[in-house]
């Protein structure tokens, strides 16, 4: 799948520069939230003029934010399809990011597998740490969404009623956020290539 223009300029540079410190677990959340915050700000800055020119509604900015949120989720979980720029450097930005994330999740893996129950869950989850990465994303996606939408317009609402789940879901109440703090989008659970096809359509 061909990455959409929005994905080519995703603000995730800081993820390549993460270090290996004793507080890596907390640093990872801070770095991912920082990438999400900058990406959300970039979308607001660049999308607003487009919105005024073409008359798009505020719900569409929430959709664009949701797409970038899902791409960040794919990066964290090691599922990102974007190969990066074709530069002559030995290691592409995607490979650098993936290497840093593997180092961090290796450290987290060694910390959490001292417990018997978690040892069962993650014991065979070695090298890429996909199960641990998936669980980390599930545990932290709400915080990342808050960072992504902190600069969303007050009038922006998600295009579909998804808050509160169940039989009577409600709409977001501005800033692309649910009142109860839930993440209104499930794009991060849709395969990336399908999201990109839909975005190009």
Foldseek 3Di string as FASTA:
>chain_A
DDFDPLVQPQQLLVLLVDDDDPPLLVVVLVSLLVSLLVSLVVLCVVVVVVCVVVVDDLQVSLVSSLLSLLQSLCLLLVNHPDPHDPDPDPDHSSRSSQVSSLVSVVVVLVVPCVDPVVCVVCVVCDDNNNSVSNVSCVVCSLVSSCSNLVPRFQPHKHPDQQDPHDDDGGICRGSNARPVSDNRDPSNVPRSVVVRVVVVD
